[in-house]
Protein backbone atom coordinates (compact mmCIF):
# COMPACT_ATOMS: atom_id res chain seq x y z
CA MET A 1 -1.60 11.52 -5.35
CA LEU A 2 -0.21 12.69 -2.01
CA LYS A 3 2.24 15.57 -1.99
CA LEU A 4 5.80 14.24 -1.64
CA GLU A 5 6.39 16.09 1.64
CA GLN A 6 3.17 14.69 3.12
CA ALA A 7 4.02 11.16 1.92
CA GLU A 8 7.50 11.40 3.49
CA LYS A 9 5.99 12.41 6.84
CA MET A 10 3.53 9.53 6.70
CA ILE A 11 6.35 7.08 5.90
CA GLN A 12 8.33 8.44 8.87
CA LEU A 13 5.29 7.96 11.12
CA HIS A 14 4.70 4.46 9.72
CA THR A 15 8.33 3.44 10.29
CA ALA A 16 8.26 4.73 13.87
CA MET A 17 4.95 3.04 14.69
CA VAL A 18 6.05 -0.31 13.25
CA GLU A 19 9.28 -0.14 15.27
CA SER A 20 7.64 1.13 18.49
CA PHE A 21 4.33 -0.69 18.97
CA ASP A 22 3.07 -4.26 19.16
CA GLU A 23 -0.41 -5.38 18.10
CA THR A 24 -1.97 -4.79 21.54
CA GLN A 25 -0.65 -1.22 21.62
CA VAL A 26 -1.84 -0.53 18.06
CA ARG A 27 -5.29 -1.81 19.03
CA GLN A 28 -5.31 0.65 21.96
CA ILE A 29 -4.20 3.49 19.66
CA CYS A 30 -7.03 2.55 17.28
CA ASP A 31 -9.51 2.67 20.15
CA SER A 32 -8.36 6.12 21.23
CA SER A 33 -8.45 7.26 17.58
CA LYS A 34 -12.00 5.92 17.17
CA SER A 35 -10.89 3.37 14.56
CA SER A 36 -11.53 -0.36 14.54
CA TYR A 37 -8.32 -2.37 14.29
CA ASP A 38 -10.20 -5.42 13.03
CA ASN A 39 -11.89 -3.42 10.23
CA LEU A 40 -8.65 -1.94 8.93
CA PRO A 41 -7.44 -3.56 5.71
CA GLY A 42 -3.94 -5.00 5.94
CA ALA A 43 -2.57 -8.52 6.19
CA ASP A 44 -0.30 -7.87 9.16
CA ILE A 45 0.54 -5.19 11.71
CA ARG A 46 2.60 -3.27 9.12
CA GLY A 47 -0.46 -3.13 6.84
CA LYS A 48 -2.85 -2.25 9.67
CA ILE A 49 -0.62 0.65 10.75
CA ARG A 50 -0.36 1.88 7.14
CA GLU A 51 -4.13 1.82 6.78
CA LEU A 52 -4.63 3.56 10.14
CA ILE A 53 -2.30 6.36 9.01
CA LEU A 54 -4.03 6.68 5.63
CA GLN A 55 -7.48 6.64 7.24
CA SER A 56 -6.43 9.28 9.79
CA ASN A 57 -4.99 11.43 7.00
CA ARG A 58 -8.18 11.16 4.90
CA ARG A 59 -10.24 12.19 7.93
CA GLY A 60 -7.92 15.10 8.76
CA ARG A 61 -7.03 13.44 12.06
CA LEU A 62 -3.33 12.68 11.64
CA THR A 63 -2.43 15.04 14.52
CA GLU A 64 -4.81 13.11 16.81
CA LEU A 65 -3.16 9.84 15.78
CA ILE A 66 0.29 11.22 16.61
CA HIS A 67 -1.06 12.44 19.97
CA ALA A 68 -2.44 8.94 20.69
CA CYS A 69 1.02 7.49 19.92
CA HIS A 70 2.64 9.94 22.35
CA GLN A 71 0.05 9.02 24.99
CA MET A 72 0.94 5.34 24.51
CA ARG A 73 4.68 6.05 24.77
CA SER A 74 5.99 9.39 25.95
CA ASP A 75 9.34 8.64 24.28
CA PHE A 76 7.69 8.15 20.86
CA HIS A 77 9.68 10.12 18.25
CA TRP A 78 8.65 9.81 14.64
CA GLU A 79 10.12 12.93 13.04
CA ASP A 80 13.66 11.52 12.99
CA ARG A 81 12.79 8.20 11.31
CA TYR A 82 13.87 8.05 7.71
CA THR A 83 13.48 5.18 5.30
CA VAL A 84 15.94 5.57 2.45
CA PHE A 85 15.19 3.67 -0.73
CA GLU A 86 17.84 3.16 -3.37
CA ALA A 87 17.49 1.40 -6.70
CA THR A 88 20.28 -0.89 -7.86
CA GLU A 89 21.81 -0.50 -11.31
CA ALA A 90 20.08 -3.70 -12.45
CA ALA A 91 16.71 -2.37 -11.30
CA LYS A 92 17.25 0.95 -13.09
CA HIS A 93 17.35 -0.95 -16.39
CA THR A 94 13.95 -2.54 -15.79
CA ASN A 95 11.34 -1.66 -18.39
CA SER A 96 7.65 -1.04 -17.80
CA GLN A 97 6.49 -4.48 -18.90
CA ARG A 98 8.97 -6.29 -16.65
CA LEU A 99 7.93 -4.14 -13.70
CA VAL A 100 4.24 -4.91 -14.31
CA GLU A 101 5.03 -8.64 -14.50
CA THR A 102 7.13 -8.48 -11.32
CA LEU A 103 4.42 -6.63 -9.40
CA ALA A 104 1.69 -9.02 -10.57
CA THR A 105 3.64 -12.23 -9.87
CA ARG A 106 5.90 -11.51 -6.88
CA PHE A 107 3.91 -8.99 -4.84
CA SER A 108 0.88 -9.74 -2.70
CA LEU A 109 -2.07 -7.35 -2.65
CA ASP A 110 -0.82 -6.05 0.71
CA ASP A 111 2.67 -5.51 -0.80
CA LEU A 112 1.10 -3.45 -3.60
CA GLU A 113 -0.73 -1.32 -1.03
CA GLN A 114 2.54 -0.80 0.87
CA LEU A 115 4.33 0.08 -2.37
CA ALA A 116 1.73 2.70 -3.26
CA PHE A 117 2.04 4.12 0.27
CA TYR A 118 5.84 4.37 -0.04
CA VAL A 119 5.63 6.49 -3.18
CA GLY A 120 2.73 8.66 -1.98
CA ILE A 121 0.00 7.22 -4.19
CA ASP A 122 -3.37 6.24 -2.74
CA PHE A 123 -3.88 2.58 -3.63
CA GLU A 124 -7.58 3.11 -4.30
CA GLU A 125 -6.98 6.05 -6.63
CA VAL A 126 -5.07 3.92 -9.13
CA GLU A 127 -7.41 3.03 -11.96
CA ALA A 128 -8.11 -0.65 -11.51
CA PRO A 129 -10.97 -2.88 -12.51
CA ARG A 130 -14.03 -1.34 -10.89
CA GLY A 131 -16.13 -3.82 -8.98
CA MET A 132 -13.17 -6.10 -8.25
CA LEU A 133 -12.58 -5.35 -4.59
CA GLY A 134 -15.06 -6.56 -2.02
CA GLY A 135 -15.01 -6.18 1.76
CA ASN A 136 -11.62 -5.70 3.40
CA ARG A 137 -10.08 -5.32 -0.08
CA LYS A 138 -10.39 -8.97 -1.01
CA VAL A 139 -10.63 -9.59 -4.75
CA GLU A 140 -14.32 -10.40 -5.14
CA PRO A 141 -15.57 -9.32 -8.58
CA SER A 142 -19.23 -8.58 -9.11
CA GLU A 143 -21.12 -10.47 -11.80
CA ARG A 144 -21.64 -7.16 -13.61
CA TRP A 145 -17.88 -6.59 -13.76
CA LEU A 146 -17.26 -10.14 -14.97
CA HIS A 147 -19.81 -9.69 -17.78
CA SER A 148 -18.29 -6.32 -18.74
CA MET A 149 -14.93 -8.09 -19.16
CA GLY A 150 -16.46 -10.94 -21.16
CA ILE A 151 -15.73 -13.44 -18.36
CA VAL A 152 -18.30 -16.10 -17.55
CA PRO A 153 -18.93 -16.16 -13.78
CA GLY A 154 -17.28 -19.23 -12.25
CA SER A 155 -14.91 -19.73 -15.20
CA MET A 156 -11.87 -18.38 -13.34
CA THR A 157 -10.41 -19.49 -10.02
CA PRO A 158 -10.03 -16.94 -7.20
CA GLU A 159 -6.28 -17.05 -7.82
CA GLU A 160 -6.76 -16.21 -11.52
CA LEU A 161 -9.08 -13.33 -10.63
CA ALA A 162 -6.59 -12.01 -8.05
CA PHE A 163 -3.82 -12.15 -10.66
CA LEU A 164 -6.01 -10.32 -13.20
CA PHE A 165 -6.68 -7.59 -10.64
CA LYS A 166 -3.01 -7.26 -9.64
CA GLU A 167 -1.86 -7.19 -13.26
CA THR A 168 -4.39 -4.50 -14.24
CA TRP A 169 -3.62 -2.45 -11.12
CA ALA A 170 0.14 -2.80 -11.67
CA ARG A 171 -0.09 -1.69 -15.31
CA ASN A 172 -2.02 1.45 -14.34
CA PHE A 173 0.23 2.10 -11.34
CA VAL A 174 3.38 1.91 -13.49
CA GLU A 175 1.85 4.33 -16.01
CA ASP A 176 0.94 6.74 -13.17
CA CYS A 177 4.51 6.56 -11.84
CA LYS A 178 6.01 7.23 -15.28
CA ARG A 179 3.72 10.25 -15.76
CA SER A 180 4.67 11.53 -12.30
CA ASN A 181 8.38 11.10 -13.06
CA ILE A 182 9.03 8.88 -10.02
CA TRP A 183 10.45 5.86 -11.87
CA ASN A 184 13.60 5.47 -9.73
CA GLU A 185 11.58 5.92 -6.53
CA ILE A 186 9.19 3.14 -7.50
CA LEU A 187 12.04 0.77 -8.37
CA ALA A 188 13.79 1.55 -5.08
CA ALA A 189 10.59 1.01 -3.09
CA CYS A 190 10.06 -2.33 -4.90
CA LEU A 191 13.54 -3.42 -3.85
CA HIS A 192 12.89 -2.30 -0.29
CA LEU A 193 9.84 -4.61 -0.15
CA HIS A 194 11.43 -7.47 -2.15
CA PRO A 195 15.24 -7.23 -2.33
CA LEU A 196 15.42 -9.98 -4.99
CA ALA A 197 12.50 -8.72 -7.07
CA PHE A 198 14.53 -8.06 -10.22
CA GLN A 199 16.81 -11.10 -10.19
């Protein structure tokens, strides 16, 4: 899990980059940061920027990424960008099972990655079914994993497998959040991504 202060800085940087740069500019930033835009997971520019920030952080190159942003736009200011998440009263009364169901049914895989990012949890560190994610984080289970789960290869549609992955990931993510005492933060971040998630 990321330290809260570090996660907040990365969210500030993410917010500023999403608001400041288009796809062409992000591609140029990737080039100067020695990252491949096309190889970054993420369904859209928001996801690509998130993954670029996480990748730069893992490589200890976040300062270089910020420098590349300043080179692209001299007026780039990220330190003053705050994203405030607030949970509604209705959301605060959501129990663990309802949250797991909401995450598995209403959130895309990219939304789950964004959610983990918002609360400072590395998506890949959440215990999920091993062997489920293939290239570019697509749900592509190995035959070994299917056998370990008692599933006959070919007996489930890709949509059913994706749901199984999201449900298992969501259950473990919710447990991690409860142990870390960030329940209200997770509910608020869910509402930020999907304002009608709990209705």
